[in-house]
Amino acid sequence: MRKFAVALLGLALAVSATAASKKVIQPKDFPTGRPFSPGILVDDTLYIAGQTGTDLKTGQLPEDFDAEVKQCLDNIGLILKEAGMSFDDAVAVQVYLTDMSLFPRMNAVYTTYFKEPRPARTTVGVAKLVGTARIEVTVTAHR
């Protein structure tokens, strides 16, 4: 009987895993033709690809770091909105900085977007990001 219960549980898990649907979240302002999706929604969890502070209209990064952080988070906000979510739904955030001395400035902007209770966060210093980006942020959100 126990073997049957274990087999039945395994079957139920396999069926539920395949039943989970993946939906691409592609805001209309985002570039297409990239080798990744801006966001993937699986059931009620949204996985947002690393976003930089690139202006979606001009393709340029702001010279001012605070403006770069704001644009990065605004880009994330568009993906969240397209998925029917907001910054309040974020549960985990990963921040990548090319210069850890910019951490306090990043944090000052970050806390205007993510309110209490703030999501779990990891901040990592990296040698280089795409182009001249100084920040990249990924988010996992759940509704």
C-alpha atoms as a PDB file:
ATOM      1  CA  MET A   1       0.000   0.000   0.000  1.00  0.00           C
ATOM      2  CA  ARG A   2       2.850   2.389   0.851  1.00  0.00           C
ATOM      3  CA  LYS A   3       4.507   1.864  -2.560  1.00  0.00           C
ATOM      4  CA  PHE A   4       1.201   2.679  -4.224  1.00  0.00           C
ATOM      5  CA  ALA A   5       0.859   5.912  -2.212  1.00  0.00           C
ATOM      6  CA  VAL A   6       4.411   6.969  -3.089  1.00  0.00           C
ATOM      7  CA  ALA A   7       3.816   6.197  -6.773  1.00  0.00           C
ATOM      8  CA  LEU A   8       0.529   8.109  -6.709  1.00  0.00           C
ATOM      9  CA  LEU A   9       2.216  11.109  -5.089  1.00  0.00           C
ATOM     10  CA  GLY A  10       4.984  11.017  -7.706  1.00  0.00           C
ATOM     11  CA  LEU A  11       2.418  10.917 -10.489  1.00  0.00           C
ATOM     12  CA  ALA A  12       0.482  13.819  -8.976  1.00  0.00           C
ATOM     13  CA  LEU A  13       3.661  15.904  -8.730  1.00  0.00           C
ATOM     14  CA  ALA A  14       4.619  15.109 -12.319  1.00  0.00           C
ATOM     15  CA  VAL A  15       1.165  16.076 -13.582  1.00  0.00           C
ATOM     16  CA  SER A  16       1.113  19.328 -11.600  1.00  0.00           C
ATOM     17  CA  ALA A  17       4.595  20.251 -12.854  1.00  0.00           C
ATOM     18  CA  THR A  18       3.559  19.813 -16.471  1.00  0.00           C
ATOM     19  CA  ALA A  19       0.262  21.622 -15.849  1.00  0.00           C
ATOM     20  CA  ALA A  20       2.104  24.802 -14.864  1.00  0.00           C
ATOM     21  CA  SER A  21       1.853  27.219 -17.743  1.00  0.00           C
ATOM     22  CA  LYS A  22       4.654  29.530 -18.830  1.00  0.00           C
ATOM     23  CA  LYS A  23       3.569  32.872 -20.223  1.00  0.00           C
ATOM     24  CA  VAL A  24       5.973  35.408 -21.701  1.00  0.00           C
ATOM     25  CA  ILE A  25       5.506  38.914 -20.283  1.00  0.00           C
ATOM     26  CA  GLN A  26       6.513  41.364 -23.007  1.00  0.00           C
ATOM     27  CA  PRO A  27       5.491  44.999 -22.386  1.00  0.00           C
ATOM     28  CA  LYS A  28       4.800  46.830 -25.671  1.00  0.00           C
ATOM     29  CA  ASP A  29       7.619  49.340 -25.061  1.00  0.00           C
ATOM     30  CA  PHE A  30      10.254  46.612 -24.676  1.00  0.00           C
ATOM     31  CA  PRO A  31      12.545  45.649 -27.563  1.00  0.00           C
ATOM     32  CA  THR A  32      11.803  42.332 -29.243  1.00  0.00           C
ATOM     33  CA  GLY A  33      14.143  39.877 -30.921  1.00  0.00           C
ATOM     34  CA  ARG A  34      16.372  39.458 -27.884  1.00  0.00           C
ATOM     35  CA  PRO A  35      17.553  35.985 -26.822  1.00  0.00           C
ATOM     36  CA  PHE A  36      15.537  36.243 -23.575  1.00  0.00           C
ATOM     37  CA  SER A  37      12.094  37.280 -22.353  1.00  0.00           C
ATOM     38  CA  PRO A  38      11.659  40.340 -20.112  1.00  0.00           C
ATOM     39  CA  GLY A  39       9.509  38.222 -17.819  1.00  0.00           C
ATOM     40  CA  ILE A  40       8.105  34.722 -17.508  1.00  0.00           C
ATOM     41  CA  LEU A  41       4.929  34.127 -15.534  1.00  0.00           C
ATOM     42  CA  VAL A  42       4.468  30.598 -14.175  1.00  0.00           C
ATOM     43  CA  ASP A  43       1.149  30.258 -12.403  1.00  0.00           C
ATOM     44  CA  ASP A  44       1.262  33.155  -9.893  1.00  0.00           C
ATOM     45  CA  THR A  45       5.040  33.672  -9.898  1.00  0.00           C
ATOM     46  CA  LEU A  46       6.782  36.170 -12.172  1.00  0.00           C
ATOM     47  CA  TYR A  47      10.479  35.873 -12.981  1.00  0.00           C
ATOM     48  CA  ILE A  48      11.909  39.126 -14.343  1.00  0.00           C
ATOM     49  CA  ALA A  49      15.098  38.974 -16.407  1.00  0.00           C
ATOM     50  CA  GLY A  50      17.983  41.225 -15.425  1.00  0.00           C
ATOM     51  CA  GLN A  51      17.116  44.812 -16.272  1.00  0.00           C
ATOM     52  CA  THR A  52      19.499  47.722 -16.682  1.00  0.00           C
ATOM     53  CA  GLY A  53      18.748  51.435 -16.671  1.00  0.00           C
ATOM     54  CA  THR A  54      18.565  51.651 -20.456  1.00  0.00           C
ATOM     55  CA  ASP A  55      15.972  54.136 -21.690  1.00  0.00           C
ATOM     56  CA  LEU A  56      13.541  52.056 -23.745  1.00  0.00           C
ATOM     57  CA  LYS A  57      12.956  54.832 -26.300  1.00  0.00           C
ATOM     58  CA  THR A  58      16.556  55.945 -26.915  1.00  0.00           C
ATOM     59  CA  GLY A  59      18.477  52.791 -25.975  1.00  0.00           C
ATOM     60  CA  GLN A  60      20.842  54.978 -23.950  1.00  0.00           C
ATOM     61  CA  LEU A  61      21.947  54.770 -20.327  1.00  0.00           C
ATOM     62  CA  PRO A  62      21.639  57.944 -18.242  1.00  0.00           C
ATOM     63  CA  GLU A  63      24.945  59.538 -17.258  1.00  0.00           C
ATOM     64  CA  ASP A  64      23.693  60.172 -13.708  1.00  0.00           C
ATOM     65  CA  PHE A  65      23.757  57.002 -11.584  1.00  0.00           C
ATOM     66  CA  ASP A  66      20.598  57.849  -9.616  1.00  0.00           C
ATOM     67  CA  ALA A  67      18.732  58.327 -12.920  1.00  0.00           C
ATOM     68  CA  GLU A  68      20.111  54.972 -14.110  1.00  0.00           C
ATOM     69  CA  VAL A  69      18.758  53.214 -11.006  1.00  0.00           C
ATOM     70  CA  LYS A  70      15.385  54.941 -11.406  1.00  0.00           C
ATOM     71  CA  GLN A  71      15.154  53.953 -15.081  1.00  0.00           C
ATOM     72  CA  CYS A  72      16.126  50.365 -14.222  1.00  0.00           C
ATOM     73  CA  LEU A  73      13.344  50.161 -11.645  1.00  0.00           C
ATOM     74  CA  ASP A  74      10.870  51.913 -13.956  1.00  0.00           C
ATOM     75  CA  ASN A  75      11.618  49.222 -16.577  1.00  0.00           C
ATOM     76  CA  ILE A  76      10.931  46.549 -13.957  1.00  0.00           C
ATOM     77  CA  GLY A  77       7.701  48.338 -13.040  1.00  0.00           C
ATOM     78  CA  LEU A  78       6.501  48.041 -16.652  1.00  0.00           C
ATOM     79  CA  ILE A  79       7.041  44.277 -16.579  1.00  0.00           C
ATOM     80  CA  LEU A  80       5.286  43.953 -13.229  1.00  0.00           C
ATOM     81  CA  LYS A  81       2.347  46.018 -14.520  1.00  0.00           C
ATOM     82  CA  GLU A  82       2.084  43.940 -17.723  1.00  0.00           C
ATOM     83  CA  ALA A  83       1.776  40.843 -15.491  1.00  0.00           C
ATOM     84  CA  GLY A  84      -0.917  42.519 -13.358  1.00  0.00           C
ATOM     85  CA  MET A  85       1.463  43.016 -10.436  1.00  0.00           C
ATOM     86  CA  SER A  86       3.266  45.809  -8.611  1.00  0.00           C
ATOM     87  CA  PHE A  87       6.423  46.304  -6.571  1.00  0.00           C
ATOM     88  CA  ASP A  88       4.381  45.164  -3.541  1.00  0.00           C
ATOM     89  CA  ASP A  89       4.312  41.657  -5.082  1.00  0.00           C
ATOM     90  CA  ALA A  90       8.117  41.346  -5.211  1.00  0.00           C
ATOM     91  CA  VAL A  91       9.474  38.600  -2.946  1.00  0.00           C
ATOM     92  CA  ALA A  92      13.151  38.434  -3.992  1.00  0.00           C
ATOM     93  CA  VAL A  93      15.496  40.933  -5.652  1.00  0.00           C
ATOM     94  CA  GLN A  94      19.058  40.555  -6.884  1.00  0.00           C
ATOM     95  CA  VAL A  95      21.076  43.730  -7.469  1.00  0.00           C
ATOM     96  CA  TYR A  96      24.369  43.716  -9.363  1.00  0.00           C
ATOM     97  CA  LEU A  97      26.623  46.786  -9.071  1.00  0.00           C
ATOM     98  CA  THR A  98      29.889  47.455 -10.891  1.00  0.00           C
ATOM     99  CA  ASP A  99      30.972  49.777  -8.062  1.00  0.00           C
ATOM    100  CA  MET A 100      29.961  48.885  -4.501  1.00  0.00           C
ATOM    101  CA  SER A 101      30.669  52.460  -3.375  1.00  0.00           C
ATOM    102  CA  LEU A 102      27.399  53.276  -5.233  1.00  0.00           C
ATOM    103  CA  PHE A 103      25.440  51.048  -2.820  1.00  0.00           C
ATOM    104  CA  PRO A 104      24.095  53.905  -0.614  1.00  0.00           C
ATOM    105  CA  ARG A 105      22.891  55.836  -3.669  1.00  0.00           C
ATOM    106  CA  MET A 106      21.261  52.721  -5.133  1.00  0.00           C
ATOM    107  CA  ASN A 107      19.590  52.033  -1.797  1.00  0.00           C
ATOM    108  CA  ALA A 108      18.204  55.582  -1.555  1.00  0.00           C
ATOM    109  CA  VAL A 109      16.385  55.142  -4.894  1.00  0.00           C
ATOM    110  CA  TYR A 110      15.516  51.468  -4.286  1.00  0.00           C
ATOM    111  CA  THR A 111      13.624  52.210  -1.059  1.00  0.00           C
ATOM    112  CA  THR A 112      11.297  54.612  -2.888  1.00  0.00           C
ATOM    113  CA  TYR A 113      10.088  51.701  -5.062  1.00  0.00           C
ATOM    114  CA  PHE A 114      10.073  48.795  -2.610  1.00  0.00           C
ATOM    115  CA  LYS A 115       8.030  49.618   0.490  1.00  0.00           C
ATOM    116  CA  GLU A 116       7.777  47.703   3.774  1.00  0.00           C
ATOM    117  CA  PRO A 117       7.777  44.793   4.049  1.00  0.00           C
ATOM    118  CA  ARG A 118      10.568  44.839   1.503  1.00  0.00           C
ATOM    119  CA  PRO A 119      11.477  41.722  -0.488  1.00  0.00           C
ATOM    120  CA  ALA A 120      14.475  39.580   0.357  1.00  0.00           C
ATOM    121  CA  ARG A 121      17.488  41.038  -1.442  1.00  0.00           C
ATOM    122  CA  THR A 122      21.008  40.131  -2.467  1.00  0.00           C
ATOM    123  CA  THR A 123      23.446  42.798  -3.654  1.00  0.00           C
ATOM    124  CA  VAL A 124      26.594  41.687  -5.429  1.00  0.00           C
ATOM    125  CA  GLY A 125      29.565  43.627  -6.748  1.00  0.00           C
ATOM    126  CA  VAL A 126      30.529  42.564 -10.270  1.00  0.00           C
ATOM    127  CA  ALA A 127      33.409  43.484 -12.568  1.00  0.00           C
ATOM    128  CA  LYS A 128      31.320  44.372 -15.616  1.00  0.00           C
ATOM    129  CA  LEU A 129      27.763  44.472 -16.929  1.00  0.00           C
ATOM    130  CA  VAL A 130      26.479  44.832 -20.490  1.00  0.00           C
ATOM    131  CA  GLY A 131      27.772  47.971 -22.189  1.00  0.00           C
ATOM    132  CA  THR A 132      28.441  50.698 -19.657  1.00  0.00           C
ATOM    133  CA  ALA A 133      25.626  49.735 -17.272  1.00  0.00           C
ATOM    134  CA  ARG A 134      26.498  50.166 -13.607  1.00  0.00           C
ATOM    135  CA  ILE A 135      23.446  48.322 -12.250  1.00  0.00           C
ATOM    136  CA  GLU A 136      21.361  45.312 -13.201  1.00  0.00           C
ATOM    137  CA  VAL A 137      18.393  44.055 -11.202  1.00  0.00           C
ATOM    138  CA  THR A 138      16.361  40.833 -11.312  1.00  0.00           C
ATOM    139  CA  VAL A 139      13.077  40.347  -9.476  1.00  0.00           C
ATOM    140  CA  THR A 140      10.861  37.429  -8.528  1.00  0.00           C
ATOM    141  CA  ALA A 141       7.288  38.397  -7.701  1.00  0.00           C
ATOM    142  CA  HIS A 142       4.292  36.374  -6.500  1.00  0.00           C
ATOM    143  CA  ARG A 143       0.624  37.292  -6.301  1.00  0.00           C
END
